[in-house]
PDB file of all heavy atoms in Angstrom:
ATOM      1  N   GLY A   1      99.119 116.091  99.852  1.00  0.00           N
ATOM      2  CA  GLY A   1      99.930 117.228 100.277  1.00  0.00           C
ATOM      3  C   GLY A   1     101.373 117.090  99.847  1.00  0.00           C
ATOM      4  O   GLY A   1     101.984 118.056  99.348  1.00  0.00           O
ATOM      5  N   GLU A   2     101.943 115.891 100.004  1.00  0.00           N
ATOM      6  CA  GLU A   2     103.324 115.697  99.580  1.00  0.00           C
ATOM      7  C   GLU A   2     103.443 115.736  98.062  1.00  0.00           C
ATOM      8  O   GLU A   2     104.414 116.268  97.521  1.00  0.00           O
ATOM      9  CB  GLU A   2     103.867 114.366 100.102  1.00  0.00           C
ATOM     10  CG  GLU A   2     105.349 114.211  99.797  1.00  0.00           C
ATOM     11  CD  GLU A   2     105.888 112.834 100.092  1.00  0.00           C
ATOM     12  OE1 GLU A   2     105.107 111.861 100.087  1.00  0.00           O
ATOM     13  OE2 GLU A   2     107.106 112.719 100.316  1.00  0.00           O
ATOM     14  N   GLY A   3     102.441 115.160  97.361  1.00  0.00           N
ATOM     15  CA  GLY A   3     102.482 115.188  95.905  1.00  0.00           C
ATOM     16  C   GLY A   3     102.525 116.609  95.369  1.00  0.00           C
ATOM     17  O   GLY A   3     103.271 116.914  94.426  1.00  0.00           O
ATOM     18  N   PHE A   4     101.742 117.498  95.967  1.00  0.00           N
ATOM     19  CA  PHE A   4     101.765 118.901  95.546  1.00  0.00           C
ATOM     20  C   PHE A   4     103.105 119.543  95.860  1.00  0.00           C
ATOM     21  O   PHE A   4     103.616 120.344  95.066  1.00  0.00           O
ATOM     22  CB  PHE A   4     100.631 119.671  96.226  1.00  0.00           C
ATOM     23  CG  PHE A   4     100.444 121.068  95.706  1.00  0.00           C
ATOM     24  CD1 PHE A   4      99.707 121.294  94.557  1.00  0.00           C
ATOM     25  CD2 PHE A   4     100.996 122.155  96.363  1.00  0.00           C
ATOM     26  CE1 PHE A   4      99.535 122.587  94.057  1.00  0.00           C
ATOM     27  CE2 PHE A   4     100.827 123.445  95.883  1.00  0.00           C
ATOM     28  CZ  PHE A   4     100.093 123.667  94.721  1.00  0.00           C
ATOM     29  N   HIS A   5     103.697 119.203  96.993  1.00  0.00           N
ATOM     30  CA  HIS A   5     104.987 119.787  97.372  1.00  0.00           C
ATOM     31  C   HIS A   5     106.099 119.283  96.457  1.00  0.00           C
ATOM     32  O   HIS A   5     107.048 120.012  96.182  1.00  0.00           O
ATOM     33  CB  HIS A   5     105.303 119.439  98.821  1.00  0.00           C
ATOM     34  CG  HIS A   5     106.502 120.156  99.366  1.00  0.00           C
ATOM     35  ND1 HIS A   5     106.669 121.524  99.292  1.00  0.00           N
ATOM     36  CD2 HIS A   5     107.617 119.688  99.996  1.00  0.00           C
ATOM     37  CE1 HIS A   5     107.815 121.878  99.850  1.00  0.00           C
ATOM     38  NE2 HIS A   5     108.407 120.772 100.282  1.00  0.00           N
ATOM     39  N   ILE A   6     105.966 118.063  95.953  1.00  0.00           N
ATOM     40  CA  ILE A   6     107.000 117.500  95.087  1.00  0.00           C
ATOM     41  C   ILE A   6     106.963 118.121  93.696  1.00  0.00           C
ATOM     42  O   ILE A   6     107.987 118.510  93.142  1.00  0.00           O
ATOM     43  CB  ILE A   6     106.838 115.965  94.994  1.00  0.00           C
ATOM     44  CG1 ILE A   6     107.278 115.313  96.311  1.00  0.00           C
ATOM     45  CG2 ILE A   6     107.639 115.388  93.832  1.00  0.00           C
ATOM     46  CD1 ILE A   6     107.035 113.829  96.364  1.00  0.00           C
ATOM     47  N   ALA A   7     105.760 118.207  93.117  1.00  0.00           N
ATOM     48  CA  ALA A   7     105.689 118.662  91.723  1.00  0.00           C
ATOM     49  C   ALA A   7     104.385 119.370  91.405  1.00  0.00           C
ATOM     50  O   ALA A   7     103.903 119.307  90.271  1.00  0.00           O
ATOM     51  CB  ALA A   7     105.885 117.477  90.777  1.00  0.00           C
ATOM     52  N   ARG A   8     103.804 120.024  92.383  1.00  0.00           N
ATOM     53  CA  ARG A   8     102.534 120.726  92.211  1.00  0.00           C
ATOM     54  C   ARG A   8     101.490 119.788  91.606  1.00  0.00           C
ATOM     55  O   ARG A   8     101.351 118.671  92.049  1.00  0.00           O
ATOM     56  CB  ARG A   8     102.738 121.997  91.381  1.00  0.00           C
ATOM     57  CG  ARG A   8     103.543 123.103  92.123  1.00  0.00           C
ATOM     58  CD  ARG A   8     103.656 124.369  91.300  1.00  0.00           C
ATOM     59  NE  ARG A   8     102.367 124.957  91.015  1.00  0.00           N
ATOM     60  CZ  ARG A   8     101.692 125.782  91.828  1.00  0.00           C
ATOM     61  NH1 ARG A   8     102.225 126.130  92.989  1.00  0.00           N
ATOM     62  NH2 ARG A   8     100.514 126.266  91.487  1.00  0.00           N
ATOM     63  N   TRP A   9     100.731 120.232  90.577  1.00  0.00           N
ATOM     64  CA  TRP A   9      99.622 119.433  90.069  1.00  0.00           C
ATOM     65  C   TRP A   9     100.091 118.166  89.368  1.00  0.00           C
ATOM     66  O   TRP A   9      99.357 117.180  89.311  1.00  0.00           O
ATOM     67  CB  TRP A   9      98.764 120.281  89.130  1.00  0.00           C
ATOM     68  CG  TRP A   9      98.123 121.441  89.838  1.00  0.00           C
ATOM     69  CD1 TRP A   9      98.387 122.755  89.678  1.00  0.00           C
ATOM     70  CD2 TRP A   9      97.124 121.361  90.867  1.00  0.00           C
ATOM     71  NE1 TRP A   9      97.623 123.531  90.535  1.00  0.00           N
ATOM     72  CE2 TRP A   9      96.829 122.693  91.271  1.00  0.00           C
ATOM     73  CE3 TRP A   9      96.450 120.307  91.492  1.00  0.00           C
ATOM     74  CZ2 TRP A   9      95.904 122.991  92.254  1.00  0.00           C
ATOM     75  CZ3 TRP A   9      95.518 120.609  92.479  1.00  0.00           C
ATOM     76  CH2 TRP A   9      95.255 121.923  92.843  1.00  0.00           C
ATOM     77  N   THR A  10     101.306 118.165  88.844  1.00  0.00           N
ATOM     78  CA  THR A  10     101.858 116.935  88.259  1.00  0.00           C
ATOM     79  C   THR A  10     101.998 115.858  89.329  1.00  0.00           C
ATOM     80  O   THR A  10     101.722 114.682  89.086  1.00  0.00           O
ATOM     81  CB  THR A  10     103.222 117.217  87.607  1.00  0.00           C
ATOM     82  OG1 THR A  10     103.072 118.204  86.592  1.00  0.00           O
ATOM     83  CG2 THR A  10     103.813 115.948  87.004  1.00  0.00           C
ATOM     84  N   GLY A  11     102.414 116.266  90.521  1.00  0.00           N
ATOM     85  CA  GLY A  11     102.543 115.298  91.612  1.00  0.00           C
ATOM     86  C   GLY A  11     101.216 114.739  92.068  1.00  0.00           C
ATOM     87  O   GLY A  11     101.100 113.559  92.395  1.00  0.00           O
ATOM     88  N   VAL A  12     100.172 115.601  92.065  1.00  0.00           N
ATOM     89  CA  VAL A  12      98.857 115.172  92.547  1.00  0.00           C
ATOM     90  C   VAL A  12      98.115 114.354  91.498  1.00  0.00           C
ATOM     91  O   VAL A  12      97.475 113.344  91.809  1.00  0.00           O
ATOM     92  CB  VAL A  12      98.015 116.400  92.968  1.00  0.00           C
ATOM     93  CG1 VAL A  12      96.625 115.976  93.410  1.00  0.00           C
ATOM     94  CG2 VAL A  12      98.716 117.171  94.080  1.00  0.00           C
ATOM     95  N   LEU A  13      98.193 114.766  90.227  1.00  0.00           N
ATOM     96  CA  LEU A  13      97.359 114.186  89.175  1.00  0.00           C
ATOM     97  C   LEU A  13      98.070 113.138  88.324  1.00  0.00           C
ATOM     98  O   LEU A  13      97.415 112.437  87.546  1.00  0.00           O
ATOM     99  CB  LEU A  13      96.825 115.294  88.266  1.00  0.00           C
ATOM    100  CG  LEU A  13      95.907 116.323  88.951  1.00  0.00           C
ATOM    101  CD1 LEU A  13      95.548 117.446  87.986  1.00  0.00           C
ATOM    102  CD2 LEU A  13      94.655 115.643  89.478  1.00  0.00           C
ATOM    103  N   ILE A  14      99.387 113.018  88.434  1.00  0.00           N
ATOM    104  CA  ILE A  14     100.114 112.028  87.631  1.00  0.00           C
ATOM    105  C   ILE A  14     100.941 111.097  88.510  1.00  0.00           C
ATOM    106  O   ILE A  14     100.775 109.869  88.453  1.00  0.00           O
ATOM    107  CB  ILE A  14     101.017 112.727  86.593  1.00  0.00           C
ATOM    108  CG1 ILE A  14     100.157 113.520  85.601  1.00  0.00           C
ATOM    109  CG2 ILE A  14     101.867 111.697  85.853  1.00  0.00           C
ATOM    110  CD1 ILE A  14     100.958 114.266  84.552  1.00  0.00           C
ATOM    111  N   VAL A  15     101.835 111.644  89.332  1.00  0.00           N
ATOM    112  CA  VAL A  15     102.734 110.804  90.127  1.00  0.00           C
ATOM    113  C   VAL A  15     101.956 109.958  91.140  1.00  0.00           C
ATOM    114  O   VAL A  15     102.115 108.729  91.191  1.00  0.00           O
ATOM    115  CB  VAL A  15     103.782 111.672  90.849  1.00  0.00           C
ATOM    116  CG1 VAL A  15     104.664 110.805  91.746  1.00  0.00           C
ATOM    117  CG2 VAL A  15     104.641 112.416  89.839  1.00  0.00           C
ATOM    118  N   ALA A  16     101.105 110.606  91.927  1.00  0.00           N
ATOM    119  CA  ALA A  16     100.351 109.870  92.945  1.00  0.00           C
ATOM    120  C   ALA A  16      99.428 108.804  92.339  1.00  0.00           C
ATOM    121  O   ALA A  16      99.417 107.658  92.812  1.00  0.00           O
ATOM    122  CB  ALA A  16      99.554 110.849  93.819  1.00  0.00           C
ATOM    123  N   PRO A  17      98.645 109.107  91.291  1.00  0.00           N
ATOM    124  CA  PRO A  17      97.782 108.061  90.721  1.00  0.00           C
ATOM    125  C   PRO A  17      98.541 106.870  90.163  1.00  0.00           C
ATOM    126  O   PRO A  17      98.075 105.730  90.262  1.00  0.00           O
ATOM    127  CB  PRO A  17      97.024 108.798  89.608  1.00  0.00           C
ATOM    128  CG  PRO A  17      97.068 110.229  89.980  1.00  0.00           C
ATOM    129  CD  PRO A  17      98.370 110.419  90.699  1.00  0.00           C
ATOM    130  N   ILE A  18      99.710 107.103  89.569  1.00  0.00           N
ATOM    131  CA  ILE A  18     100.509 105.984  89.050  1.00  0.00           C
ATOM    132  C   ILE A  18     100.901 105.048  90.195  1.00  0.00           C
ATOM    133  O   ILE A  18     100.793 103.814  90.088  1.00  0.00           O
ATOM    134  CB  ILE A  18     101.755 106.506  88.315  1.00  0.00           C
ATOM    135  CG1 ILE A  18     101.345 107.179  87.000  1.00  0.00           C
ATOM    136  CG2 ILE A  18     102.745 105.385  88.052  1.00  0.00           C
ATOM    137  CD1 ILE A  18     102.489 107.829  86.255  1.00  0.00           C
ATOM    138  N   LEU A  19     101.356 105.614  91.303  1.00  0.00           N
ATOM    139  CA  LEU A  19     101.723 104.790  92.458  1.00  0.00           C
ATOM    140  C   LEU A  19     100.498 104.067  93.017  1.00  0.00           C
ATOM    141  O   LEU A  19     100.586 102.885  93.392  1.00  0.00           O
ATOM    142  CB  LEU A  19     102.362 105.663  93.534  1.00  0.00           C
ATOM    143  CG  LEU A  19     103.714 106.289  93.193  1.00  0.00           C
ATOM    144  CD1 LEU A  19     104.189 107.199  94.325  1.00  0.00           C
ATOM    145  CD2 LEU A  19     104.760 105.217  92.915  1.00  0.00           C
ATOM    146  N   TRP A  20      99.359 104.736  93.073  1.00  0.00           N
ATOM    147  CA  TRP A  20      98.141 104.092  93.577  1.00  0.00           C
ATOM    148  C   TRP A  20      97.688 102.963  92.660  1.00  0.00           C
ATOM    149  O   TRP A  20      97.217 101.927  93.141  1.00  0.00           O
ATOM    150  CB  TRP A  20      97.036 105.138  93.725  1.00  0.00           C
ATOM    151  CG  TRP A  20      97.234 106.072  94.869  1.00  0.00           C
ATOM    152  CD1 TRP A  20      97.860 105.796  96.045  1.00  0.00           C
ATOM    153  CD2 TRP A  20      96.820 107.448  94.952  1.00  0.00           C
ATOM    154  NE1 TRP A  20      97.857 106.910  96.859  1.00  0.00           N
ATOM    155  CE2 TRP A  20      97.228 107.929  96.219  1.00  0.00           C
ATOM    156  CE3 TRP A  20      96.144 108.303  94.086  1.00  0.00           C
ATOM    157  CZ2 TRP A  20      96.979 109.233  96.643  1.00  0.00           C
ATOM    158  CZ3 TRP A  20      95.892 109.610  94.504  1.00  0.00           C
ATOM    159  CH2 TRP A  20      96.306 110.064  95.760  1.00  0.00           C
ATOM    160  N   ILE A  21      97.809 103.131  91.357  1.00  0.00           N
ATOM    161  CA  ILE A  21      97.433 102.063  90.428  1.00  0.00           C
ATOM    162  C   ILE A  21      98.286 100.829  90.673  1.00  0.00           C
ATOM    163  O   ILE A  21      97.779  99.699  90.731  1.00  0.00           O
ATOM    164  CB  ILE A  21      97.568 102.548  88.970  1.00  0.00           C
ATOM    165  CG1 ILE A  21      96.477 103.572  88.650  1.00  0.00           C
ATOM    166  CG2 ILE A  21      97.491 101.372  87.995  1.00  0.00           C
ATOM    167  CD1 ILE A  21      96.664 104.249  87.300  1.00  0.00           C
ATOM    168  N   PHE A  22      99.596 101.016  90.822  1.00  0.00           N
ATOM    169  CA  PHE A  22     100.476  99.889  91.137  1.00  0.00           C
ATOM    170  C   PHE A  22     100.056  99.211  92.440  1.00  0.00           C
ATOM    171  O   PHE A  22      99.983  97.979  92.531  1.00  0.00           O
ATOM    172  CB  PHE A  22     101.932 100.366  91.247  1.00  0.00           C
ATOM    173  CG  PHE A  22     102.572 100.708  89.933  1.00  0.00           C
ATOM    174  CD1 PHE A  22     103.570 101.657  89.859  1.00  0.00           C
ATOM    175  CD2 PHE A  22     102.172 100.081  88.766  1.00  0.00           C
ATOM    176  CE1 PHE A  22     104.159 101.985  88.641  1.00  0.00           C
ATOM    177  CE2 PHE A  22     102.759 100.386  87.544  1.00  0.00           C
ATOM    178  CZ  PHE A  22     103.755 101.346  87.484  1.00  0.00           C
ATOM    179  N   LEU A  23      99.770 100.028  93.445  1.00  0.00           N
ATOM    180  CA  LEU A  23      99.440  99.491  94.775  1.00  0.00           C
ATOM    181  C   LEU A  23      98.129  98.704  94.744  1.00  0.00           C
ATOM    182  O   LEU A  23      98.068  97.567  95.216  1.00  0.00           O
ATOM    183  CB  LEU A  23      99.349 100.638  95.773  1.00  0.00           C
ATOM    184  CG  LEU A  23      99.100 100.236  97.236  1.00  0.00           C
ATOM    185  CD1 LEU A  23     100.340  99.595  97.827  1.00  0.00           C
ATOM    186  CD2 LEU A  23      98.693 101.453  98.066  1.00  0.00           C
ATOM    187  N   PHE A  24      97.074  99.305  94.185  1.00  0.00           N
ATOM    188  CA  PHE A  24      95.768  98.647  94.175  1.00  0.00           C
ATOM    189  C   PHE A  24      95.792  97.382  93.322  1.00  0.00           C
ATOM    190  O   PHE A  24      95.223  96.353  93.703  1.00  0.00           O
ATOM    191  CB  PHE A  24      94.705  99.614  93.649  1.00  0.00           C
ATOM    192  CG  PHE A  24      94.534 100.855  94.474  1.00  0.00           C
ATOM    193  CD1 PHE A  24      94.028 102.023  93.914  1.00  0.00           C
ATOM    194  CD2 PHE A  24      94.890 100.867  95.816  1.00  0.00           C
ATOM    195  CE1 PHE A  24      93.870 103.172  94.678  1.00  0.00           C
ATOM    196  CE2 PHE A  24      94.741 102.016  96.590  1.00  0.00           C
ATOM    197  CZ  PHE A  24      94.235 103.163  96.013  1.00  0.00           C
ATOM    198  N   THR A  25      96.441  97.450  92.171  1.00  0.00           N
ATOM    199  CA  THR A  25      96.512  96.275  91.293  1.00  0.00           C
ATOM    200  C   THR A  25      97.263  95.140  91.962  1.00  0.00           C
ATOM    201  O   THR A  25      96.840  93.974  91.906  1.00  0.00           O
ATOM    202  CB  THR A  25      97.202  96.652  89.969  1.00  0.00           C
ATOM    203  OG1 THR A  25      96.503  97.729  89.343  1.00  0.00           O
ATOM    204  CG2 THR A  25      97.235  95.463  89.029  1.00  0.00           C
ATOM    205  N   LEU A  26      98.362  95.463  92.614  1.00  0.00           N
ATOM    206  CA  LEU A  26      99.183  94.437  93.263  1.00  0.00           C
ATOM    207  C   LEU A  26      98.415  93.733  94.370  1.00  0.00           C
ATOM    208  O   LEU A  26      98.333  92.494  94.400  1.00  0.00           O
ATOM    209  CB  LEU A  26     100.458  95.080  93.814  1.00  0.00           C
ATOM    210  CG  LEU A  26     101.373  94.168  94.638  1.00  0.00           C
ATOM    211  CD1 LEU A  26     101.874  93.009  93.789  1.00  0.00           C
ATOM    212  CD2 LEU A  26     102.556  94.957  95.204  1.00  0.00           C
ATOM    213  N   PHE A  27      97.820  94.494  95.279  1.00  0.00           N
ATOM    214  CA  PHE A  27      97.176  93.859  96.425  1.00  0.00           C
ATOM    215  C   PHE A  27      95.847  93.211  96.062  1.00  0.00           C
ATOM    216  O   PHE A  27      95.480  92.191  96.654  1.00  0.00           O
ATOM    217  CB  PHE A  27      97.012  94.865  97.562  1.00  0.00           C
ATOM    218  CG  PHE A  27      98.280  95.078  98.338  1.00  0.00           C
ATOM    219  CD1 PHE A  27      99.044  96.219  98.151  1.00  0.00           C
ATOM    220  CD2 PHE A  27      98.726  94.128  99.238  1.00  0.00           C
ATOM    221  CE1 PHE A  27     100.222  96.402  98.854  1.00  0.00           C
ATOM    222  CE2 PHE A  27      99.906  94.302  99.939  1.00  0.00           C
ATOM    223  CZ  PHE A  27     100.660  95.444  99.750  1.00  0.00           C
ATOM    224  N   ASP A  28      95.122  93.755  95.105  1.00  0.00           N
ATOM    225  CA  ASP A  28      93.902  93.091  94.650  1.00  0.00           C
ATOM    226  C   ASP A  28      94.237  91.774  93.962  1.00  0.00           C
ATOM    227  O   ASP A  28      93.504  90.784  94.108  1.00  0.00           O
ATOM    228  CB  ASP A  28      93.130  93.995  93.687  1.00  0.00           C
ATOM    229  CG  ASP A  28      92.372  95.087  94.419  1.00  0.00           C
ATOM    230  OD1 ASP A  28      92.205  94.976  95.645  1.00  0.00           O
ATOM    231  OD2 ASP A  28      91.954  96.070  93.767  1.00  0.00           O
ATOM    232  N   SER A  29      95.335  91.740  93.209  1.00  0.00           N
ATOM    233  CA  SER A  29      95.738  90.508  92.538  1.00  0.00           C
ATOM    234  C   SER A  29      96.273  89.481  93.521  1.00  0.00           C
ATOM    235  O   SER A  29      96.124  88.277  93.311  1.00  0.00           O
ATOM    236  CB  SER A  29      96.800  90.813  91.476  1.00  0.00           C
ATOM    237  OG  SER A  29      96.305  91.686  90.477  1.00  0.00           O
ATOM    238  N   LEU A  30      96.895  89.943  94.583  1.00  0.00           N
ATOM    239  CA  LEU A  30      97.413  89.029  95.599  1.00  0.00           C
ATOM    240  C   LEU A  30      96.305  88.468  96.486  1.00  0.00           C
ATOM    241  O   LEU A  30      96.223  87.248  96.699  1.00  0.00           O
ATOM    242  CB  LEU A  30      98.434  89.742  96.488  1.00  0.00           C
ATOM    243  CG  LEU A  30      99.895  89.774  96.063  1.00  0.00           C
ATOM    244  CD1 LEU A  30     100.701  90.570  97.068  1.00  0.00           C
ATOM    245  CD2 LEU A  30     100.458  88.376  95.918  1.00  0.00           C
ATOM    246  N   CYS A  31      95.449  89.338  96.991  1.00  0.00           N
ATOM    247  CA  CYS A  31      94.543  88.969  98.082  1.00  0.00           C
ATOM    248  C   CYS A  31      93.112  88.698  97.635  1.00  0.00           C
ATOM    249  O   CYS A  31      92.407  87.918  98.281  1.00  0.00           O
ATOM    250  CB  CYS A  31      94.541  90.059  99.149  1.00  0.00           C
ATOM    251  SG  CYS A  31      96.185  90.465  99.778  1.00  0.00           S
ATOM    252  N   GLY A  32      92.660  89.345  96.590  1.00  0.00           N
ATOM    253  CA  GLY A  32      91.285  89.159  96.163  1.00  0.00           C
ATOM    254  C   GLY A  32      90.291  89.813  97.112  1.00  0.00           C
ATOM    255  O   GLY A  32      90.623  90.725  97.861  1.00  0.00           O
ATOM    256  N   SER A  33      89.061  89.314  97.089  1.00  0.00           N
ATOM    257  CA  SER A  33      87.994  89.886  97.905  1.00  0.00           C
ATOM    258  C   SER A  33      88.238  89.617  99.383  1.00  0.00           C
ATOM    259  O   SER A  33      88.567  88.495  99.781  1.00  0.00           O
ATOM    260  CB  SER A  33      86.645  89.289  97.488  1.00  0.00           C
ATOM    261  OG  SER A  33      85.631  89.691  98.376  1.00  0.00           O
ATOM    262  N   ALA A  34      88.041  90.637 100.194  1.00  0.00           N
ATOM    263  CA  ALA A  34      88.228  90.484 101.643  1.00  0.00           C
ATOM    264  C   ALA A  34      87.169  89.594 102.259  1.00  0.00           C
ATOM    265  O   ALA A  34      87.358  89.070 103.363  1.00  0.00           O
ATOM    266  CB  ALA A  34      88.222  91.850 102.319  1.00  0.00           C
ATOM    267  N   THR A  35      86.042  89.394 101.589  1.00  0.00           N
ATOM    268  CA  THR A  35      84.993  88.517 102.121  1.00  0.00           C
ATOM    269  C   THR A  35      85.322  87.048 101.919  1.00  0.00           C
ATOM    270  O   THR A  35      84.727  86.181 102.559  1.00  0.00           O
ATOM    271  CB  THR A  35      83.648  88.822 101.446  1.00  0.00           C
ATOM    272  OG1 THR A  35      83.766  88.581 100.034  1.00  0.00           O
ATOM    273  CG2 THR A  35      83.240  90.268 101.680  1.00  0.00           C
ATOM    274  N   GLU A  36      86.274  86.741 101.030  1.00  0.00           N
ATOM    275  CA  GLU A  36      86.616  85.357 100.740  1.00  0.00           C
ATOM    276  C   GLU A  36      87.994  84.961 101.255  1.00  0.00           C
ATOM    277  O   GLU A  36      88.234  83.795 101.544  1.00  0.00           O
ATOM    278  CB  GLU A  36      86.571  85.117  99.223  1.00  0.00           C
ATOM    279  CG  GLU A  36      85.198  85.372  98.601  1.00  0.00           C
ATOM    280  CD  GLU A  36      85.225  85.227  97.100  1.00  0.00           C
ATOM    281  OE1 GLU A  36      86.314  84.955  96.555  1.00  0.00           O
ATOM    282  OE2 GLU A  36      84.167  85.379  96.467  1.00  0.00           O
ATOM    283  N   SER A  37      88.892  85.919 101.345  1.00  0.00           N
ATOM    284  CA  SER A  37      90.266  85.618 101.733  1.00  0.00           C
ATOM    285  C   SER A  37      90.680  86.476 102.924  1.00  0.00           C
ATOM    286  O   SER A  37      90.385  87.676 102.949  1.00  0.00           O
ATOM    287  CB  SER A  37      91.207  85.881 100.553  1.00  0.00           C
ATOM    288  OG  SER A  37      92.556  85.817 100.960  1.00  0.00           O
ATOM    289  N   PRO A  38      91.361  85.889 103.915  1.00  0.00           N
ATOM    290  CA  PRO A  38      91.759  86.678 105.095  1.00  0.00           C
ATOM    291  C   PRO A  38      92.918  87.627 104.838  1.00  0.00           C
ATOM    292  O   PRO A  38      93.138  88.544 105.619  1.00  0.00           O
ATOM    293  CB  PRO A  38      92.161  85.603 106.113  1.00  0.00           C
ATOM    294  CG  PRO A  38      92.599  84.447 105.282  1.00  0.00           C
ATOM    295  CD  PRO A  38      91.728  84.468 104.056  1.00  0.00           C
ATOM    296  N   TRP A  39      93.646  87.452 103.732  1.00  0.00           N
ATOM    297  CA  TRP A  39      94.840  88.277 103.523  1.00  0.00           C
ATOM    298  C   TRP A  39      94.459  89.726 103.253  1.00  0.00           C
ATOM    299  O   TRP A  39      95.171  90.643 103.650  1.00  0.00           O
ATOM    300  CB  TRP A  39      95.663  87.699 102.364  1.00  0.00           C
ATOM    301  CG  TRP A  39      95.704  86.219 102.373  1.00  0.00           C
ATOM    302  CD1 TRP A  39      95.284  85.365 101.390  1.00  0.00           C
ATOM    303  CD2 TRP A  39      96.158  85.380 103.441  1.00  0.00           C
ATOM    304  NE1 TRP A  39      95.437  84.067 101.775  1.00  0.00           N
ATOM    305  CE2 TRP A  39      95.982  84.042 103.031  1.00  0.00           C
ATOM    306  CE3 TRP A  39      96.688  85.614 104.699  1.00  0.00           C
ATOM    307  CZ2 TRP A  39      96.310  82.953 103.831  1.00  0.00           C
ATOM    308  CZ3 TRP A  39      97.014  84.527 105.511  1.00  0.00           C
ATOM    309  CH2 TRP A  39      96.837  83.232 105.070  1.00  0.00           C
ATOM    310  N   GLY A  40      93.350  89.923 102.550  1.00  0.00           N
ATOM    311  CA  GLY A  40      92.896  91.283 102.326  1.00  0.00           C
ATOM    312  C   GLY A  40      92.558  91.999 103.615  1.00  0.00           C
ATOM    313  O   GLY A  40      92.741  93.214 103.733  1.00  0.00           O
TER     314      GLY A  40
END
């Protein structure tokens, strides 16, 4: 909803996914599998 308010479809399809890629890559690289490490 905020992504659309910021830049319409550019916010939803470009801005938000870029931020999610950074987020998922960072925490997956830090914590690994939740079944093996408690940090996840």
